[in-house]
Structure formats: C-alpha cells, structure tokens
Amino acid sequence: MEVHNSVLHEIEQELAERHRLSISEFDTLVNIPLKGTRLRELKDRVVLTQSAVSRLCDRLADRGLVTRSPLEEDMRGAMIHLTDAGRKLLRSAARTNAEVVERTFADRLTQTQLDSLREILDQLSTEQSHPKGCDTTG
C-alpha cells in the first residue's frame, strides 16, 4: 500500500502540473474507447459513482476534451466521445504516467524482478477472473 500510495501521489502531482488533470480525469479519459462509450458503461470502468462520472464528464466537456451526446433510445443516457484535443491530451498524459511509473517504480527493480512481478500479477489476475471452484466452461 505504501508503494502504491507513493507512486500514485507522484502521478497525481505530475498530471496536475503538466496537464491540469486530476487522477480521476485521467482515469476517465483512459477508459473512453476510440468509438466512444455510454456514460453508464464508463461508470463501470472507473472507480466513481454514476453522478460523479456524469459531473466529471461535464467538466471535461467544458474543457473541450470530450463531447456528450444524448441517446435517442434513452434520453437519460449519454454517449461520451474524446475530442481531438482530448485524444492529444490523453496521449501526452499517458506518456507522463508511464514516465512516473518508470522513474518511481520500474527503474528501482532489475529485469529479473520485473519479470517475476509480472508473472505473479498475471497469476493473481487469472485467479481473480477464474476463482477456484467455479466452473467457467458453462
């Protein structure tokens, strides 16, 4: 948890200083596919409530980073798309994110340690998506 908090704090600082983005705004931009997404589906991809995602998308739209369009079949719903400015900012912010993770985390480990960590995380990820005792064959 300490390492996670330290790396996350560094990412938050760099995103704010370089791009005027909060970590939640960055997370939201990262989770909007090129083809766009429904607001409801975006809420499932980020760790925010429906109303928080909606307000955040309004702020991103005010900055010209996303567009928000009503859905004809569901007037309460909305479709969210990245604008060209949003894609440009996202690419730049993603590079910043990678630089910070590299500097504050990956550079401190050997390649063997990184390979071991990747193997362990892959194993844990696989176990999370297919818990023991659950038949995933249908």
N, C-alpha and C. Protein backbone atom coordinates (compact mmCIF):
# COMPACT_ATOMS: atom_id res chain seq x y z
N MET A 1 0.82 -1.18 0.00
CA MET A 1 0.00 0.00 0.00
C MET A 1 0.88 1.26 0.00
N GLU A 2 1.99 1.21 0.74
CA GLU A 2 2.87 2.37 0.80
C GLU A 2 3.45 2.69 -0.57
N VAL A 3 3.90 1.65 -1.28
CA VAL A 3 4.47 1.86 -2.61
C VAL A 3 3.39 2.38 -3.56
N HIS A 4 2.21 1.78 -3.50
CA HIS A 4 1.10 2.22 -4.35
C HIS A 4 0.79 3.69 -4.10
N ASN A 5 0.67 4.06 -2.83
CA ASN A 5 0.36 5.46 -2.48
C ASN A 5 1.44 6.41 -2.95
N SER A 6 2.68 6.01 -2.80
CA SER A 6 3.80 6.86 -3.20
C SER A 6 3.80 7.08 -4.72
N VAL A 7 3.65 6.01 -5.48
CA VAL A 7 3.63 6.12 -6.94
C VAL A 7 2.41 6.93 -7.38
N LEU A 8 1.26 6.64 -6.81
CA LEU A 8 0.04 7.36 -7.17
C LEU A 8 0.16 8.85 -6.86
N HIS A 9 0.76 9.18 -5.72
CA HIS A 9 0.96 10.59 -5.36
C HIS A 9 1.83 11.29 -6.41
N GLU A 10 2.89 10.64 -6.85
CA GLU A 10 3.77 11.21 -7.87
C GLU A 10 3.02 11.40 -9.19
N ILE A 11 2.22 10.41 -9.55
CA ILE A 11 1.43 10.51 -10.79
C ILE A 11 0.46 11.69 -10.69
N GLU A 12 -0.24 11.79 -9.57
CA GLU A 12 -1.19 12.89 -9.36
C GLU A 12 -0.51 14.25 -9.51
N GLN A 13 0.66 14.40 -8.89
CA GLN A 13 1.38 15.67 -8.96
C GLN A 13 1.78 16.01 -10.39
N GLU A 14 2.35 15.04 -11.09
CA GLU A 14 2.83 15.28 -12.45
C GLU A 14 1.67 15.58 -13.40
N LEU A 15 0.57 14.84 -13.27
CA LEU A 15 -0.58 15.08 -14.15
C LEU A 15 -1.15 16.48 -13.91
N ALA A 16 -1.21 16.88 -12.65
CA ALA A 16 -1.73 18.22 -12.32
C ALA A 16 -0.80 19.31 -12.85
N GLU A 17 0.48 19.15 -12.63
CA GLU A 17 1.44 20.18 -13.04
C GLU A 17 1.57 20.28 -14.56
N ARG A 18 1.69 19.14 -15.22
CA ARG A 18 1.95 19.15 -16.66
C ARG A 18 0.71 19.29 -17.52
N HIS A 19 -0.43 18.76 -17.02
CA HIS A 19 -1.60 18.65 -17.89
C HIS A 19 -2.89 19.22 -17.31
N ARG A 20 -2.83 19.74 -16.08
CA ARG A 20 -4.04 20.23 -15.41
C ARG A 20 -5.11 19.14 -15.34
N LEU A 21 -4.69 17.92 -15.05
CA LEU A 21 -5.61 16.79 -14.93
C LEU A 21 -5.52 16.19 -13.54
N SER A 22 -6.68 15.84 -12.99
CA SER A 22 -6.70 15.05 -11.76
C SER A 22 -6.53 13.59 -12.15
N ILE A 23 -6.23 12.75 -11.18
CA ILE A 23 -6.10 11.32 -11.46
C ILE A 23 -7.44 10.75 -11.93
N SER A 24 -8.56 11.24 -11.40
CA SER A 24 -9.88 10.77 -11.83
C SER A 24 -10.18 11.18 -13.27
N GLU A 25 -9.77 12.39 -13.63
CA GLU A 25 -9.97 12.83 -15.02
C GLU A 25 -9.13 11.99 -15.97
N PHE A 26 -7.88 11.74 -15.60
CA PHE A 26 -7.01 10.89 -16.42
C PHE A 26 -7.61 9.49 -16.56
N ASP A 27 -8.02 8.91 -15.45
CA ASP A 27 -8.62 7.57 -15.46
C ASP A 27 -9.85 7.53 -16.37
N THR A 28 -10.64 8.57 -16.32
CA THR A 28 -11.84 8.64 -17.17
C THR A 28 -11.45 8.72 -18.64
N LEU A 29 -10.52 9.60 -18.98
CA LEU A 29 -10.10 9.73 -20.39
C LEU A 29 -9.52 8.42 -20.91
N VAL A 30 -8.72 7.75 -20.09
CA VAL A 30 -8.11 6.48 -20.49
C VAL A 30 -9.18 5.43 -20.78
N ASN A 31 -10.29 5.51 -20.10
CA ASN A 31 -11.33 4.48 -20.23
C ASN A 31 -12.42 4.81 -21.23
N ILE A 32 -12.21 5.81 -22.07
CA ILE A 32 -13.15 6.11 -23.15
C ILE A 32 -12.57 5.51 -24.43
N PRO A 33 -13.20 4.46 -24.97
CA PRO A 33 -12.68 3.85 -26.21
C PRO A 33 -12.76 4.83 -27.39
N LEU A 34 -11.99 4.58 -28.43
CA LEU A 34 -11.98 5.43 -29.61
C LEU A 34 -13.38 5.60 -30.20
N LYS A 35 -14.17 4.55 -30.15
CA LYS A 35 -15.53 4.61 -30.72
C LYS A 35 -16.52 5.30 -29.79
N GLY A 36 -16.03 5.69 -28.60
CA GLY A 36 -16.92 6.30 -27.62
C GLY A 36 -17.53 5.26 -26.70
N THR A 37 -18.28 5.72 -25.74
CA THR A 37 -18.91 4.81 -24.78
C THR A 37 -20.13 5.47 -24.17
N ARG A 38 -21.04 4.66 -23.74
CA ARG A 38 -22.19 5.16 -22.98
C ARG A 38 -21.69 5.59 -21.60
N LEU A 39 -22.29 6.62 -21.08
CA LEU A 39 -21.93 7.12 -19.76
C LEU A 39 -22.06 6.01 -18.72
N ARG A 40 -23.10 5.23 -18.82
CA ARG A 40 -23.34 4.13 -17.87
C ARG A 40 -22.21 3.10 -17.93
N GLU A 41 -21.71 2.80 -19.14
CA GLU A 41 -20.61 1.84 -19.29
C GLU A 41 -19.30 2.43 -18.76
N LEU A 42 -19.12 3.72 -18.95
CA LEU A 42 -17.92 4.38 -18.43
C LEU A 42 -17.89 4.29 -16.91
N LYS A 43 -19.03 4.45 -16.28
CA LYS A 43 -19.12 4.34 -14.82
C LYS A 43 -18.63 2.98 -14.34
N ASP A 44 -18.85 1.93 -15.14
CA ASP A 44 -18.40 0.59 -14.76
C ASP A 44 -16.89 0.42 -14.91
N ARG A 45 -16.25 1.30 -15.67
CA ARG A 45 -14.81 1.20 -15.92
C ARG A 45 -13.97 2.02 -14.95
N VAL A 46 -14.57 3.02 -14.32
CA VAL A 46 -13.82 3.87 -13.39
C VAL A 46 -14.37 3.71 -11.99
N VAL A 47 -13.58 4.11 -11.02
CA VAL A 47 -13.97 3.92 -9.62
C VAL A 47 -14.63 5.19 -9.10
N LEU A 48 -15.79 5.50 -9.67
CA LEU A 48 -16.58 6.66 -9.26
C LEU A 48 -18.06 6.30 -9.33
N THR A 49 -18.88 7.05 -8.62
CA THR A 49 -20.32 6.83 -8.70
C THR A 49 -20.85 7.37 -10.03
N GLN A 50 -22.05 6.98 -10.37
CA GLN A 50 -22.68 7.44 -11.60
C GLN A 50 -22.75 8.97 -11.65
N SER A 51 -23.17 9.58 -10.56
CA SER A 51 -23.30 11.04 -10.55
C SER A 51 -21.93 11.72 -10.64
N ALA A 52 -20.92 11.14 -9.99
CA ALA A 52 -19.57 11.71 -10.06
C ALA A 52 -19.01 11.62 -11.48
N VAL A 53 -19.24 10.50 -12.15
CA VAL A 53 -18.78 10.34 -13.54
C VAL A 53 -19.50 11.35 -14.43
N SER A 54 -20.77 11.53 -14.21
CA SER A 54 -21.55 12.47 -15.00
C SER A 54 -21.02 13.89 -14.83
N ARG A 55 -20.78 14.31 -13.59
CA ARG A 55 -20.25 15.65 -13.33
C ARG A 55 -18.84 15.81 -13.91
N LEU A 56 -18.03 14.77 -13.77
CA LEU A 56 -16.67 14.82 -14.30
C LEU A 56 -16.70 14.96 -15.82
N CYS A 57 -17.59 14.21 -16.49
CA CYS A 57 -17.72 14.32 -17.95
C CYS A 57 -18.20 15.71 -18.36
N ASP A 58 -19.06 16.30 -17.56
CA ASP A 58 -19.48 17.69 -17.83
C ASP A 58 -18.28 18.64 -17.78
N ARG A 59 -17.42 18.46 -16.77
CA ARG A 59 -16.23 19.31 -16.66
C ARG A 59 -15.27 19.08 -17.83
N LEU A 60 -15.10 17.81 -18.22
CA LEU A 60 -14.22 17.51 -19.36
C LEU A 60 -14.81 18.08 -20.65
N ALA A 61 -16.12 18.06 -20.78
CA ALA A 61 -16.78 18.65 -21.96
C ALA A 61 -16.59 20.17 -21.96
N ASP A 62 -16.70 20.80 -20.80
CA ASP A 62 -16.49 22.25 -20.69
C ASP A 62 -15.08 22.63 -21.12
N ARG A 63 -14.13 21.73 -20.90
CA ARG A 63 -12.73 21.97 -21.30
C ARG A 63 -12.47 21.59 -22.75
N GLY A 64 -13.49 21.02 -23.43
CA GLY A 64 -13.33 20.64 -24.82
C GLY A 64 -12.61 19.33 -25.03
N LEU A 65 -12.54 18.49 -23.99
CA LEU A 65 -11.82 17.22 -24.08
C LEU A 65 -12.71 16.05 -24.48
N VAL A 66 -14.01 16.16 -24.21
CA VAL A 66 -14.98 15.14 -24.61
C VAL A 66 -16.24 15.83 -25.12
N THR A 67 -17.00 15.06 -25.87
CA THR A 67 -18.35 15.50 -26.22
C THR A 67 -19.32 14.57 -25.51
N ARG A 68 -20.47 15.12 -25.20
CA ARG A 68 -21.51 14.36 -24.51
C ARG A 68 -22.79 14.55 -25.31
N SER A 69 -23.30 13.44 -25.87
CA SER A 69 -24.49 13.49 -26.71
C SER A 69 -25.59 12.64 -26.11
N PRO A 70 -26.83 13.14 -26.12
CA PRO A 70 -27.94 12.33 -25.62
C PRO A 70 -28.18 11.14 -26.53
N LEU A 71 -28.68 10.06 -25.95
CA LEU A 71 -29.03 8.87 -26.72
C LEU A 71 -30.50 8.93 -27.11
N GLU A 72 -30.78 8.68 -28.36
CA GLU A 72 -32.18 8.74 -28.82
C GLU A 72 -33.06 7.74 -28.10
N GLU A 73 -32.53 6.53 -27.85
CA GLU A 73 -33.34 5.48 -27.25
C GLU A 73 -33.44 5.60 -25.72
N ASP A 74 -32.60 6.44 -25.12
CA ASP A 74 -32.60 6.60 -23.67
C ASP A 74 -32.23 8.03 -23.35
N MET A 75 -33.21 8.89 -23.21
CA MET A 75 -32.96 10.32 -23.03
C MET A 75 -32.21 10.64 -21.73
N ARG A 76 -32.21 9.71 -20.77
CA ARG A 76 -31.45 9.92 -19.55
C ARG A 76 -29.98 9.56 -19.76
N GLY A 77 -29.70 8.77 -20.78
CA GLY A 77 -28.34 8.32 -21.05
C GLY A 77 -27.58 9.29 -21.93
N ALA A 78 -26.29 9.06 -22.07
CA ALA A 78 -25.46 9.91 -22.91
C ALA A 78 -24.33 9.08 -23.51
N MET A 79 -23.88 9.51 -24.66
CA MET A 79 -22.73 8.91 -25.33
C MET A 79 -21.56 9.87 -25.15
N ILE A 80 -20.41 9.35 -24.75
CA ILE A 80 -19.22 10.15 -24.49
C ILE A 80 -18.16 9.80 -25.52
N HIS A 81 -17.62 10.83 -26.18
CA HIS A 81 -16.53 10.66 -27.14
C HIS A 81 -15.38 11.59 -26.79
N LEU A 82 -14.16 11.14 -27.02
CA LEU A 82 -13.00 12.02 -26.90
C LEU A 82 -12.98 12.97 -28.10
N THR A 83 -12.64 14.21 -27.87
CA THR A 83 -12.42 15.15 -28.97
C THR A 83 -10.96 15.01 -29.42
N ASP A 84 -10.60 15.68 -30.49
CA ASP A 84 -9.20 15.67 -30.93
C ASP A 84 -8.30 16.22 -29.82
N ALA A 85 -8.76 17.29 -29.17
CA ALA A 85 -7.98 17.86 -28.06
C ALA A 85 -7.87 16.85 -26.90
N GLY A 86 -8.94 16.12 -26.65
CA GLY A 86 -8.93 15.10 -25.60
C GLY A 86 -7.95 13.97 -25.90
N ARG A 87 -7.94 13.52 -27.17
CA ARG A 87 -7.01 12.47 -27.56
C ARG A 87 -5.56 12.95 -27.45
N LYS A 88 -5.32 14.19 -27.87
CA LYS A 88 -3.97 14.75 -27.80
C LYS A 88 -3.50 14.84 -26.34
N LEU A 89 -4.37 15.37 -25.48
CA LEU A 89 -4.02 15.48 -24.06
C LEU A 89 -3.82 14.10 -23.44
N LEU A 90 -4.67 13.16 -23.80
CA LEU A 90 -4.56 11.81 -23.26
C LEU A 90 -3.22 11.18 -23.65
N ARG A 91 -2.81 11.31 -24.91
CA ARG A 91 -1.52 10.75 -25.33
C ARG A 91 -0.38 11.35 -24.51
N SER A 92 -0.40 12.65 -24.33
CA SER A 92 0.64 13.33 -23.57
C SER A 92 0.61 12.91 -22.10
N ALA A 93 -0.57 12.86 -21.52
CA ALA A 93 -0.71 12.47 -20.11
C ALA A 93 -0.32 11.00 -19.90
N ALA A 94 -0.62 10.15 -20.87
CA ALA A 94 -0.24 8.73 -20.77
C ALA A 94 1.28 8.59 -20.77
N ARG A 95 1.96 9.41 -21.57
CA ARG A 95 3.43 9.40 -21.55
C ARG A 95 3.94 9.84 -20.17
N THR A 96 3.33 10.86 -19.62
CA THR A 96 3.71 11.33 -18.28
C THR A 96 3.50 10.22 -17.26
N ASN A 97 2.35 9.56 -17.31
CA ASN A 97 2.05 8.46 -16.41
C ASN A 97 3.13 7.38 -16.51
N ALA A 98 3.47 7.00 -17.73
CA ALA A 98 4.48 5.96 -17.94
C ALA A 98 5.85 6.39 -17.40
N GLU A 99 6.20 7.66 -17.62
CA GLU A 99 7.48 8.17 -17.12
C GLU A 99 7.54 8.09 -15.60
N VAL A 100 6.47 8.47 -14.95
CA VAL A 100 6.45 8.47 -13.49
C VAL A 100 6.52 7.05 -12.96
N VAL A 101 5.76 6.14 -13.54
CA VAL A 101 5.80 4.74 -13.10
C VAL A 101 7.20 4.17 -13.31
N GLU A 102 7.80 4.49 -14.44
CA GLU A 102 9.16 4.03 -14.72
C GLU A 102 10.13 4.58 -13.66
N ARG A 103 10.08 5.87 -13.43
CA ARG A 103 11.02 6.54 -12.52
C ARG A 103 10.82 6.12 -11.07
N THR A 104 9.57 6.01 -10.63
CA THR A 104 9.31 5.77 -9.21
C THR A 104 9.15 4.31 -8.85
N PHE A 105 9.08 3.44 -9.87
CA PHE A 105 8.82 2.03 -9.59
C PHE A 105 9.73 1.12 -10.39
N ALA A 106 9.55 1.09 -11.69
CA ALA A 106 10.24 0.11 -12.53
C ALA A 106 11.75 0.27 -12.53
N ASP A 107 12.25 1.49 -12.53
CA ASP A 107 13.70 1.72 -12.53
C ASP A 107 14.38 1.20 -11.27
N ARG A 108 13.63 0.97 -10.23
CA ARG A 108 14.20 0.51 -8.96
C ARG A 108 14.31 -1.02 -8.89
N LEU A 109 13.83 -1.70 -9.93
CA LEU A 109 13.86 -3.16 -9.95
C LEU A 109 14.72 -3.66 -11.11
N THR A 110 15.30 -4.83 -10.93
CA THR A 110 16.05 -5.45 -12.02
C THR A 110 15.06 -6.07 -13.01
N GLN A 111 15.55 -6.41 -14.19
CA GLN A 111 14.68 -7.05 -15.17
C GLN A 111 14.15 -8.37 -14.64
N THR A 112 14.96 -9.12 -13.92
CA THR A 112 14.52 -10.39 -13.33
C THR A 112 13.39 -10.15 -12.33
N GLN A 113 13.53 -9.12 -11.51
CA GLN A 113 12.47 -8.79 -10.54
C GLN A 113 11.19 -8.37 -11.25
N LEU A 114 11.33 -7.56 -12.30
CA LEU A 114 10.15 -7.14 -13.07
C LEU A 114 9.46 -8.35 -13.71
N ASP A 115 10.24 -9.27 -14.26
CA ASP A 115 9.66 -10.48 -14.87
C ASP A 115 8.93 -11.32 -13.83
N SER A 116 9.53 -11.47 -12.65
CA SER A 116 8.89 -12.22 -11.57
C SER A 116 7.59 -11.55 -11.13
N LEU A 117 7.64 -10.22 -10.98
CA LEU A 117 6.45 -9.48 -10.58
C LEU A 117 5.34 -9.64 -11.61
N ARG A 118 5.69 -9.53 -12.89
CA ARG A 118 4.69 -9.69 -13.95
C ARG A 118 4.06 -11.08 -13.89
N GLU A 119 4.89 -12.11 -13.68
CA GLU A 119 4.39 -13.48 -13.60
C GLU A 119 3.43 -13.64 -12.41
N ILE A 120 3.80 -13.07 -11.27
CA ILE A 120 2.96 -13.15 -10.07
C ILE A 120 1.64 -12.41 -10.30
N LEU A 121 1.70 -11.20 -10.85
CA LEU A 121 0.47 -10.43 -11.08
C LEU A 121 -0.42 -11.10 -12.12
N ASP A 122 0.18 -11.70 -13.15
CA ASP A 122 -0.61 -12.45 -14.14
C ASP A 122 -1.33 -13.62 -13.47
N GLN A 123 -0.63 -14.31 -12.59
CA GLN A 123 -1.24 -15.44 -11.87
C GLN A 123 -2.40 -14.97 -11.00
N LEU A 124 -2.19 -13.90 -10.26
CA LEU A 124 -3.25 -13.37 -9.41
C LEU A 124 -4.43 -12.89 -10.24
N SER A 125 -4.16 -12.26 -11.36
CA SER A 125 -5.22 -11.78 -12.25
C SER A 125 -6.03 -12.95 -12.80
N THR A 126 -5.36 -14.00 -13.20
CA THR A 126 -6.04 -15.18 -13.72
C THR A 126 -6.90 -15.82 -12.65
N GLU A 127 -6.38 -15.89 -11.43
CA GLU A 127 -7.15 -16.48 -10.33
C GLU A 127 -8.37 -15.62 -9.98
N GLN A 128 -8.25 -14.29 -10.10
CA GLN A 128 -9.38 -13.40 -9.83
C GLN A 128 -10.49 -13.59 -10.85
N SER A 129 -10.13 -13.79 -12.12
CA SER A 129 -11.15 -13.91 -13.15
C SER A 129 -11.71 -15.33 -13.22
N HIS A 130 -11.01 -16.29 -12.65
CA HIS A 130 -11.47 -17.68 -12.63
C HIS A 130 -11.22 -18.28 -11.25
N PRO A 131 -12.00 -17.87 -10.22
CA PRO A 131 -11.77 -18.38 -8.87
C PRO A 131 -11.88 -19.90 -8.80
N LYS A 132 -11.08 -20.47 -7.92
CA LYS A 132 -11.12 -21.93 -7.74
C LYS A 132 -12.52 -22.34 -7.32
N GLY A 133 -12.95 -23.46 -7.86
CA GLY A 133 -14.27 -23.97 -7.50
C GLY A 133 -15.37 -23.46 -8.41
N CYS A 134 -15.05 -22.54 -9.31
CA CYS A 134 -16.05 -22.01 -10.24
C CYS A 134 -15.84 -22.64 -11.60
N ASP A 135 -16.88 -23.22 -12.15
CA ASP A 135 -16.80 -23.82 -13.47
C ASP A 135 -17.02 -22.73 -14.51
N THR A 136 -15.97 -22.42 -15.28
CA THR A 136 -16.05 -21.36 -16.27
C THR A 136 -16.32 -21.92 -17.67
N THR A 137 -16.55 -23.22 -17.77
CA THR A 137 -16.77 -23.81 -19.10
C THR A 137 -18.22 -23.73 -19.51
N GLY A 138 -19.11 -23.38 -18.61
CA GLY A 138 -20.51 -23.17 -18.96
C GLY A 138 -21.29 -24.39 -18.76
